[in-house]
Protein backbone atom coordinates (compact mmCIF):
# COMPACT_ATOMS: atom_id res chain seq x y z
CA MET A 1 -58.45 -3.65 9.05
CA ASN A 2 -56.86 -2.55 5.86
CA LEU A 3 -54.79 -5.12 3.93
CA GLU A 4 -51.80 -2.74 3.70
CA ILE A 5 -51.74 -2.26 7.47
CA ALA A 6 -51.99 -6.00 8.08
CA SER A 7 -49.13 -6.74 5.71
CA LEU A 8 -47.00 -3.98 7.28
CA LEU A 9 -47.62 -5.43 10.74
CA LEU A 10 -46.73 -8.90 9.50
CA ILE A 11 -43.46 -7.64 8.00
CA LEU A 12 -42.65 -5.76 11.21
CA PHE A 13 -43.34 -8.89 13.27
CA ALA A 14 -41.09 -10.96 10.98
CA VAL A 15 -38.24 -8.44 11.29
CA ILE A 16 -38.54 -8.45 15.09
CA ILE A 17 -38.48 -12.26 15.21
CA ILE A 18 -35.43 -12.41 12.91
CA VAL A 19 -33.49 -9.84 14.97
CA TRP A 20 -34.43 -11.67 18.19
CA GLY A 21 -33.30 -15.00 16.69
CA ILE A 22 -29.95 -13.54 15.63
CA ALA A 23 -29.42 -12.16 19.14
CA VAL A 24 -30.24 -15.53 20.73
CA VAL A 25 -27.89 -17.42 18.40
CA HIS A 26 -25.03 -14.99 18.94
CA THR A 27 -25.20 -15.37 22.74
CA LEU A 28 -24.95 -19.18 22.60
CA PRO A 29 -21.14 -19.44 22.95
CA GLY A 30 -21.21 -17.40 26.16
CA LYS A 31 -24.04 -19.48 27.60
CA ILE A 32 -22.25 -22.72 26.69
CA ALA A 33 -19.00 -21.49 28.24
CA THR A 34 -20.81 -20.45 31.43
CA LYS A 35 -22.58 -23.81 31.66
CA ARG A 36 -19.29 -25.68 31.22
CA ASN A 37 -17.54 -23.44 33.85
CA HIS A 38 -14.99 -22.24 31.31
CA SER A 39 -12.28 -20.00 32.76
CA GLN A 40 -12.43 -17.54 29.82
CA VAL A 41 -16.16 -16.82 29.67
CA GLU A 42 -15.78 -13.06 29.24
CA ALA A 43 -13.41 -13.39 26.30
CA ILE A 44 -15.72 -15.91 24.63
CA GLU A 45 -18.71 -13.59 25.08
CA ILE A 46 -16.82 -10.64 23.59
CA MET A 47 -15.68 -12.75 20.65
CA SER A 48 -19.24 -13.96 20.03
CA TYR A 49 -20.53 -10.36 20.03
CA LEU A 50 -17.81 -9.38 17.56
CA GLY A 51 -19.14 -12.25 15.47
CA LEU A 52 -22.06 -10.00 14.62
CA LEU A 53 -19.62 -8.03 12.48
CA VAL A 54 -17.34 -10.85 11.31
CA PHE A 55 -19.09 -14.24 11.24
CA PRO A 56 -15.95 -16.46 11.51
CA LEU A 57 -15.30 -14.92 14.94
CA TRP A 58 -18.63 -16.30 16.14
CA MET A 59 -17.71 -19.77 14.87
CA GLY A 60 -14.36 -19.49 16.66
CA ALA A 61 -16.12 -18.49 19.88
CA LEU A 62 -18.42 -21.48 19.60
CA ILE A 63 -15.49 -23.86 19.16
CA TRP A 64 -13.59 -22.12 21.97
CA ALA A 65 -16.56 -22.56 24.32
CA TYR A 66 -16.35 -26.34 23.90
CA LEU A 67 -12.56 -26.55 24.37
CA VAL A 68 -11.19 -27.47 27.77
CA PRO A 69 -8.66 -24.82 28.88
CA VAL A 70 -5.16 -26.05 29.69
CA LYS A 71 -4.20 -25.41 33.32
CA LEU A 72 -0.58 -24.38 33.70
């Protein structure tokens, strides 16, 4: 196996792992909200996906997933 091909495959593997890791991390708020039976799971999931574009939205979704909603 040629050294250039091996290095290209290693770089491709690293890129795939990084993209997969980012996807797993950005779905955490939705999973946490579902596990905690949060009443606004869909909104938290949407906000966490928008966090791919604007990172503070993802942090807000993570905090929101841990908050207990007020029942009126």
